[in-house]
Amino acid sequence: MSETKKSKSKPASRQQVFTLLVQIGRKAGDGLPDGATGAALMCFASGVDEAEAVRETVALLKQADTAPLDVTGYGTLDERLAEGHEIDSEERALMQRALDENAVIVAQVTPFFDKD
């Protein structure tokens, strides 16, 4: 009987969601506005650790014809809360979606422009 209970219960997920800020440069077909020199992408990415989340995010962005240059990790939801970050319900919902779908969610795109 205990085997039946074990087979019906969902195994604990080791996946976590990490908040990543990815800077991208220009590349033909990248979808950035005319005159932009690059962009910052706020992403929520699932992974067993931050390194995996970064690898998956960079791979996905390269497939999407962007040119990732740098990635800064801000940690998991719990780590961000411990640092005093305010995280609204919309952001939490996107994090949960990334976890549920084992996905990378691009939550925000901020294009960069030269000041000239």
Protein backbone atom coordinates (compact mmCIF):
# COMPACT_ATOMS: atom_id res chain seq x y z
CA MET A 1 0.00 0.00 0.00
CA SER A 2 2.85 2.41 0.70
CA GLU A 3 4.12 1.87 -2.86
CA THR A 4 0.77 3.03 -4.21
CA LYS A 5 0.96 6.24 -2.20
CA LYS A 6 4.51 6.88 -3.39
CA SER A 7 3.64 6.38 -7.05
CA LYS A 8 0.68 8.77 -6.81
CA SER A 9 2.57 11.53 -5.01
CA LYS A 10 4.39 14.06 -7.13
CA PRO A 11 8.16 13.97 -6.61
CA ALA A 12 9.67 17.10 -5.08
CA SER A 13 10.99 19.40 -7.76
CA ARG A 14 14.59 20.49 -7.45
CA GLN A 15 13.88 23.29 -9.90
CA GLN A 16 13.98 26.86 -8.66
CA VAL A 17 13.37 30.15 -10.42
CA PHE A 18 16.17 32.68 -10.71
CA THR A 19 15.90 36.35 -11.60
CA LEU A 20 18.42 37.26 -14.29
CA LEU A 21 19.30 40.55 -15.96
CA VAL A 22 20.70 39.90 -19.44
CA GLN A 23 22.37 42.59 -21.51
CA ILE A 24 22.20 42.01 -25.24
CA GLY A 25 23.95 43.69 -28.13
CA ARG A 26 22.63 44.29 -31.63
CA LYS A 27 22.23 41.52 -34.16
CA ALA A 28 20.33 41.41 -37.44
CA GLY A 29 16.76 40.30 -36.81
CA ASP A 30 16.90 40.90 -33.04
CA GLY A 31 13.60 42.82 -32.99
CA LEU A 32 15.00 45.83 -31.13
CA PRO A 33 13.82 49.30 -32.16
CA ASP A 34 15.72 51.28 -34.81
CA GLY A 35 18.54 53.26 -33.21
CA ALA A 36 18.84 51.00 -30.17
CA THR A 37 22.39 49.95 -29.32
CA GLY A 38 21.26 46.97 -27.25
CA ALA A 39 18.89 46.15 -24.42
CA ALA A 40 18.51 44.83 -20.91
CA LEU A 41 16.17 41.87 -20.45
CA MET A 42 14.72 40.97 -17.07
CA CYS A 43 14.18 37.22 -17.13
CA PHE A 44 12.82 34.58 -14.79
CA ALA A 45 14.44 31.23 -15.53
CA SER A 46 14.02 27.83 -13.95
CA GLY A 47 16.94 25.58 -13.15
CA VAL A 48 18.36 23.30 -10.49
CA ASP A 49 20.94 26.01 -9.84
CA GLU A 50 21.72 29.49 -11.10
CA ALA A 51 24.38 28.24 -13.52
CA GLU A 52 21.83 26.03 -15.29
CA ALA A 53 19.30 28.88 -15.41
CA VAL A 54 21.94 31.14 -17.00
CA ARG A 55 22.95 28.49 -19.58
CA GLU A 56 19.33 27.84 -20.57
CA THR A 57 18.56 31.55 -20.80
CA VAL A 58 21.59 32.32 -22.96
CA ALA A 59 20.85 29.35 -25.24
CA LEU A 60 17.23 30.45 -25.65
CA LEU A 61 18.18 34.05 -26.39
CA LYS A 62 20.72 32.95 -29.00
CA GLN A 63 18.00 30.85 -30.69
CA ALA A 64 15.84 33.99 -30.72
CA ASP A 65 18.49 35.82 -32.79
CA THR A 66 19.77 38.03 -29.98
CA ALA A 67 23.37 38.56 -28.90
CA PRO A 68 23.66 38.01 -25.12
CA LEU A 69 26.68 39.87 -23.73
CA ASP A 70 26.40 39.68 -19.95
CA VAL A 71 24.18 38.04 -17.34
CA THR A 72 23.73 39.22 -13.76
CA GLY A 73 21.96 36.90 -11.34
CA TYR A 74 19.76 38.24 -8.55
CA GLY A 75 18.92 34.89 -6.97
CA THR A 76 15.72 33.05 -6.14
CA LEU A 77 12.52 34.54 -4.76
CA ASP A 78 13.57 33.69 -1.20
CA GLU A 79 17.04 35.19 -1.69
CA ARG A 80 15.57 38.38 -3.12
CA LEU A 81 13.07 38.67 -0.28
CA ALA A 82 15.89 38.19 2.25
CA GLU A 83 17.71 41.10 0.59
CA GLY A 84 14.64 43.30 1.01
CA HIS A 85 13.45 43.36 -2.61
CA GLU A 86 9.79 44.22 -3.09
CA ILE A 87 8.20 41.68 -5.40
CA ASP A 88 4.67 42.35 -6.59
CA SER A 89 2.02 39.75 -7.39
CA GLU A 90 2.54 40.07 -11.16
CA GLU A 91 6.25 39.30 -10.81
CA ARG A 92 5.48 36.38 -8.49
CA ALA A 93 2.99 35.02 -11.03
CA LEU A 94 5.64 35.15 -13.78
CA MET A 95 8.11 33.37 -11.50
CA GLN A 96 5.54 30.66 -10.79
CA ARG A 97 4.85 30.30 -14.51
CA ALA A 98 8.58 29.85 -15.19
CA LEU A 99 8.66 27.11 -12.54
CA ASP A 100 5.45 25.39 -13.68
CA GLU A 101 6.52 25.39 -17.33
CA ASN A 102 10.25 24.83 -16.70
CA ALA A 103 10.76 27.88 -18.87
CA VAL A 104 12.54 31.17 -19.38
CA ILE A 105 10.17 34.13 -19.16
CA VAL A 106 11.34 37.49 -20.52
CA ALA A 107 9.43 39.84 -18.23
CA GLN A 108 10.79 43.18 -19.37
CA VAL A 109 12.83 44.58 -22.26
CA THR A 110 14.56 47.95 -21.90
CA PRO A 111 16.28 49.12 -25.09
CA PHE A 112 19.47 51.20 -24.85
CA PHE A 113 20.00 54.28 -27.03
CA ASP A 114 23.05 56.49 -27.51
CA LYS A 115 22.62 59.92 -25.97
CA ASP A 116 23.60 61.65 -29.24
